[in-house]
């Protein structure tokens, strides 16, 4: 597996577990008197994510993984190995969340791992299909968190900021908030337009169309700030 040059959390865990086979090993049912056969760590992950594998086998492995996750990390390598076993189910979502919310990849990976371990801790011996439940719960929690805490990105060059996407339904809304003036008179403006009129338009072009180009587009990180503009889709993510 080729690894990215910057060692983020996922990459660090991959490297730590490259040759790891912690004890006690997981066991896979072999159908002989109910006994199980030991299975090496590097052979476990393919079984967990193989849709053709027996559901009962995968469930048995996930129940054992949940037990290993409760071991003391100072005395066992299993807590790290448990994270490694969950990475295939988390990695794609780490990429999607990072891109969707312009978030720091390290923060997203850390949150996904935290949600994964929390979901794994809730697994009991009676939990059906534990792998599916754990991964769906972890991913759902992480997405919900980033939706709630989505930051507002501050930019210096408003004219170079991408405008809204190509969604042709609903409305787009902008708030223009000039700074307070010495005389105390400073009024904000809110403008709403149909989404199809805003397709592919940059914020600088919007400012010009709305008569704000003399204020909004001149701020480039130097001198005094004369206005801020924020865009939001009406009725969504407010």
Protein backbone atom coordinates (compact mmCIF):
# COMPACT_ATOMS: atom_id res chain seq x y z
CA UNK A 1 0.00 0.00 0.00
CA UNK A 2 1.38 3.40 -0.96
CA UNK A 3 1.17 5.90 1.89
CA UNK A 4 0.97 9.69 1.65
CA UNK A 5 4.13 11.61 2.57
CA UNK A 6 2.54 13.47 5.49
CA UNK A 7 2.04 11.10 8.42
CA UNK A 8 -1.51 11.83 9.53
CA UNK A 9 -3.30 9.72 12.11
CA UNK A 10 -4.49 7.07 9.65
CA UNK A 11 -1.05 6.83 8.08
CA UNK A 12 0.65 6.56 11.47
CA UNK A 13 -1.64 3.73 12.50
CA UNK A 14 -1.03 1.93 9.19
CA UNK A 15 2.72 2.13 9.77
CA UNK A 16 2.51 0.98 13.37
CA UNK A 17 0.48 -2.06 12.41
CA UNK A 18 2.42 -3.01 9.29
CA UNK A 19 4.03 -6.04 10.97
CA UNK A 20 1.89 -6.24 14.09
CA UNK A 21 0.23 -9.43 15.31
CA UNK A 22 -0.84 -8.79 18.91
CA UNK A 23 -1.76 -11.56 21.32
CA UNK A 24 -4.12 -13.10 21.99
CA UNK A 25 -4.94 -13.63 18.34
CA UNK A 26 -8.46 -13.39 17.04
CA UNK A 27 -10.14 -16.68 16.28
CA UNK A 28 -12.28 -17.59 13.33
CA UNK A 29 -14.88 -20.37 13.65
CA UNK A 30 -13.78 -23.53 11.88
CA UNK A 31 -16.96 -25.55 12.45
CA UNK A 32 -15.21 -28.28 14.44
CA UNK A 33 -16.87 -28.75 17.83
CA UNK A 34 -17.46 -25.04 18.00
CA UNK A 35 -13.73 -24.38 18.27
CA UNK A 36 -11.99 -21.49 16.60
CA UNK A 37 -8.77 -21.31 14.62
CA UNK A 38 -6.34 -18.40 15.22
CA UNK A 39 -6.16 -15.88 12.41
CA UNK A 40 -3.30 -13.43 11.87
CA UNK A 41 -4.09 -9.72 12.03
CA UNK A 42 -3.21 -9.04 8.39
CA UNK A 43 -5.73 -11.70 7.36
CA UNK A 44 -8.55 -10.31 9.48
CA UNK A 45 -9.17 -7.06 7.68
CA UNK A 46 -9.92 -8.61 4.26
CA UNK A 47 -12.53 -10.86 5.90
CA UNK A 48 -14.20 -7.95 7.72
CA UNK A 49 -14.81 -6.05 4.48
CA UNK A 50 -15.47 -9.00 2.16
CA UNK A 51 -19.15 -8.95 1.29
CA UNK A 52 -18.93 -12.58 0.23
CA UNK A 53 -17.67 -13.68 3.66
CA UNK A 54 -20.08 -15.43 5.98
CA UNK A 55 -21.98 -12.83 8.05
CA UNK A 56 -21.63 -15.03 11.14
CA UNK A 57 -17.85 -15.09 10.73
CA UNK A 58 -17.64 -11.33 10.39
CA UNK A 59 -19.90 -10.81 13.40
CA UNK A 60 -17.77 -13.18 15.50
CA UNK A 61 -14.63 -11.27 14.56
CA UNK A 62 -16.19 -7.88 15.32
CA UNK A 63 -17.35 -9.06 18.74
CA UNK A 64 -13.79 -10.15 19.50
CA UNK A 65 -12.45 -6.84 18.20
CA UNK A 66 -14.78 -4.98 20.57
CA UNK A 67 -13.39 -7.01 23.47
CA UNK A 68 -9.79 -6.34 22.43
CA UNK A 69 -10.53 -2.62 22.23
CA UNK A 70 -11.15 -2.59 25.96
CA UNK A 71 -7.63 -3.81 26.78
CA UNK A 72 -5.09 -1.52 28.39
CA UNK A 73 -3.09 0.25 25.69
CA UNK A 74 -0.03 0.34 27.99
CA UNK A 75 0.05 -3.45 28.19
CA UNK A 76 -1.25 -4.46 24.78
CA UNK A 77 -0.97 -3.47 21.14
CA UNK A 78 -4.60 -4.35 20.59
CA UNK A 79 -6.09 -0.86 21.03
CA UNK A 80 -3.97 0.39 18.11
CA UNK A 81 -4.72 -2.74 16.09
CA UNK A 82 -8.44 -2.22 16.70
CA UNK A 83 -8.20 1.25 15.12
CA UNK A 84 -6.25 -0.24 12.19
CA UNK A 85 -9.03 -2.76 11.58
CA UNK A 86 -11.60 0.04 11.28
CA UNK A 87 -9.67 2.28 8.87
CA UNK A 88 -11.07 0.83 5.61
CA UNK A 89 -14.56 1.74 6.77
CA UNK A 90 -13.52 5.27 7.78
CA UNK A 91 -11.02 6.39 5.16
CA UNK A 92 -13.40 7.38 2.35
CA UNK A 93 -15.52 9.40 4.74
CA UNK A 94 -12.44 11.22 6.02
CA UNK A 95 -11.76 12.39 2.48
CA UNK A 96 -15.41 13.36 1.88
CA UNK A 97 -15.77 15.31 5.14
CA UNK A 98 -12.46 17.10 4.60
CA UNK A 99 -13.50 18.26 1.14
CA UNK A 100 -17.10 19.03 2.02
CA UNK A 101 -16.30 21.28 4.98
CA UNK A 102 -12.78 22.43 4.03
CA UNK A 103 -11.67 20.92 7.33
CA UNK A 104 -8.22 19.91 8.53
CA UNK A 105 -7.63 16.28 7.60
CA UNK A 106 -5.96 15.52 10.96
CA UNK A 107 -8.99 16.82 12.87
CA UNK A 108 -11.40 14.81 10.73
CA UNK A 109 -9.39 11.59 11.13
CA UNK A 110 -9.13 12.08 14.89
CA UNK A 111 -12.88 12.64 15.18
CA UNK A 112 -13.70 9.59 13.08
CA UNK A 113 -11.43 7.39 15.20
CA UNK A 114 -12.99 8.79 18.38
CA UNK A 115 -16.51 8.11 17.12
CA UNK A 116 -15.45 4.64 15.98
CA UNK A 117 -14.02 3.71 19.39
CA UNK A 118 -17.08 5.10 21.17
CA UNK A 119 -19.39 3.05 18.95
CA UNK A 120 -17.22 -0.04 19.43
CA UNK A 121 -17.40 0.37 23.21
CA UNK A 122 -21.20 0.08 22.98
CA UNK A 123 -21.01 -3.37 21.38
CA UNK A 124 -22.24 -6.19 23.59
CA UNK A 125 -22.36 -9.93 23.11
CA UNK A 126 -25.96 -9.56 21.90
CA UNK A 127 -25.32 -6.82 19.34
CA UNK A 128 -26.34 -8.10 15.88
CA UNK A 129 -24.15 -7.29 12.88
CA UNK A 130 -21.73 -5.31 15.07
CA UNK A 131 -19.36 -4.24 12.28
CA UNK A 132 -22.07 -2.55 10.27
CA UNK A 133 -23.53 -0.88 13.35
CA UNK A 134 -20.17 0.40 14.58
CA UNK A 135 -19.06 1.88 11.27
CA UNK A 136 -22.44 3.43 10.43
CA UNK A 137 -22.67 4.96 13.89
CA UNK A 138 -19.11 6.33 13.77
CA UNK A 139 -19.55 7.87 10.34
CA UNK A 140 -22.97 9.34 11.17
CA UNK A 141 -21.65 10.93 14.37
CA UNK A 142 -18.66 12.44 12.59
CA UNK A 143 -20.77 13.89 9.76
CA UNK A 144 -23.25 15.33 12.27
CA UNK A 145 -20.46 16.97 14.25
CA UNK A 146 -18.93 18.68 11.23
CA UNK A 147 -22.32 19.87 10.04
CA UNK A 148 -22.90 21.51 13.44
CA UNK A 149 -19.47 23.07 13.69
CA UNK A 150 -18.90 24.00 10.05
CA UNK A 151 -16.60 27.04 10.21
CA UNK A 152 -17.00 30.22 8.23
CA UNK A 153 -13.91 30.60 6.06
CA UNK A 154 -12.33 34.06 6.06
CA UNK A 155 -10.62 35.07 2.82
CA UNK A 156 -8.54 38.07 1.82
CA UNK A 157 -9.42 38.18 -1.87
CA UNK A 158 -13.17 38.17 -2.21
CA UNK A 159 -12.95 38.50 -5.96
CA UNK A 160 -11.11 35.18 -6.17
CA UNK A 161 -13.57 33.25 -4.01
CA UNK A 162 -15.71 30.64 -5.73
CA UNK A 163 -19.39 31.41 -5.81
CA UNK A 164 -22.24 28.95 -5.24
CA UNK A 165 -22.48 25.68 -7.10
CA UNK A 166 -24.80 24.52 -9.85
CA UNK A 167 -27.86 23.72 -7.76
CA UNK A 168 -30.80 25.21 -9.66
CA UNK A 169 -33.33 24.93 -6.86
CA UNK A 170 -34.01 27.33 -4.01
CA UNK A 171 -32.59 30.76 -3.33
CA UNK A 172 -29.22 32.22 -2.38
CA UNK A 173 -28.90 34.93 0.20
CA UNK A 174 -26.10 37.34 1.01
CA UNK A 175 -25.55 39.57 4.03
CA UNK A 176 -23.51 42.74 3.52
CA UNK A 177 -22.32 44.07 6.87
CA UNK A 178 -20.30 47.32 6.68
CA UNK A 179 -18.21 48.25 9.71
CA UNK A 180 -19.44 50.81 12.22
CA UNK A 181 -18.90 54.43 11.16
CA UNK A 182 -17.77 57.25 13.45
CA UNK A 183 -21.21 58.83 13.28
CA UNK A 184 -22.77 55.59 14.39
CA UNK A 185 -24.78 55.02 11.20
CA UNK A 186 -24.01 51.75 9.51
CA UNK A 187 -26.76 49.58 8.05
CA UNK A 188 -26.48 46.03 6.81
CA UNK A 189 -28.13 44.78 3.66
CA UNK A 190 -29.60 41.36 2.88
CA UNK A 191 -30.18 40.43 -0.77
CA UNK A 192 -31.90 37.26 -1.98
CA UNK A 193 -31.76 35.99 -5.56
CA UNK A 194 -32.89 32.80 -7.33
CA UNK A 195 -30.18 30.17 -7.33
CA UNK A 196 -30.12 29.89 -11.12
CA UNK A 197 -29.02 33.54 -11.35
CA UNK A 198 -26.08 32.84 -9.07
CA UNK A 199 -24.73 29.77 -10.85
CA UNK A 200 -21.02 29.94 -11.54
CA UNK A 201 -20.75 33.54 -10.38
CA UNK A 202 -17.89 34.61 -8.12
CA UNK A 203 -18.50 36.74 -5.10
CA UNK A 204 -16.73 39.65 -6.74
CA UNK A 205 -19.14 39.54 -9.68
CA UNK A 206 -22.08 39.34 -7.33
CA UNK A 207 -20.85 42.40 -5.47
CA UNK A 208 -20.58 44.32 -8.73
CA UNK A 209 -24.08 43.30 -9.85
CA UNK A 210 -25.52 44.45 -6.53
CA UNK A 211 -23.73 47.77 -6.51
CA UNK A 212 -21.24 46.81 -3.81
CA UNK A 213 -18.10 46.60 -5.91
CA UNK A 214 -16.74 49.88 -4.55
CA UNK A 215 -16.64 48.43 -1.07
CA UNK A 216 -16.69 44.67 -1.02
CA UNK A 217 -14.13 43.92 -3.73
CA UNK A 218 -11.45 46.35 -2.72
CA UNK A 219 -10.41 44.63 0.49
CA UNK A 220 -7.36 42.47 -0.22
CA UNK A 221 -5.85 42.03 3.21
CA UNK A 222 -4.18 45.46 3.33
CA UNK A 223 -5.51 48.68 4.78
CA UNK A 224 -8.81 48.91 6.60
CA UNK A 225 -11.59 46.41 6.10
CA UNK A 226 -14.63 48.07 4.63
CA UNK A 227 -17.17 45.24 4.48
CA UNK A 228 -17.82 41.54 4.81
CA UNK A 229 -20.08 39.39 2.67
CA UNK A 230 -21.43 35.94 3.59
CA UNK A 231 -23.50 33.70 1.34
CA UNK A 232 -25.99 31.07 2.45
CA UNK A 233 -28.59 28.95 0.73
CA UNK A 234 -32.01 30.03 2.00
CA UNK A 235 -33.69 27.32 4.08
CA UNK A 236 -30.60 25.08 4.23
CA UNK A 237 -27.77 24.80 6.78
CA UNK A 238 -28.84 27.92 8.59
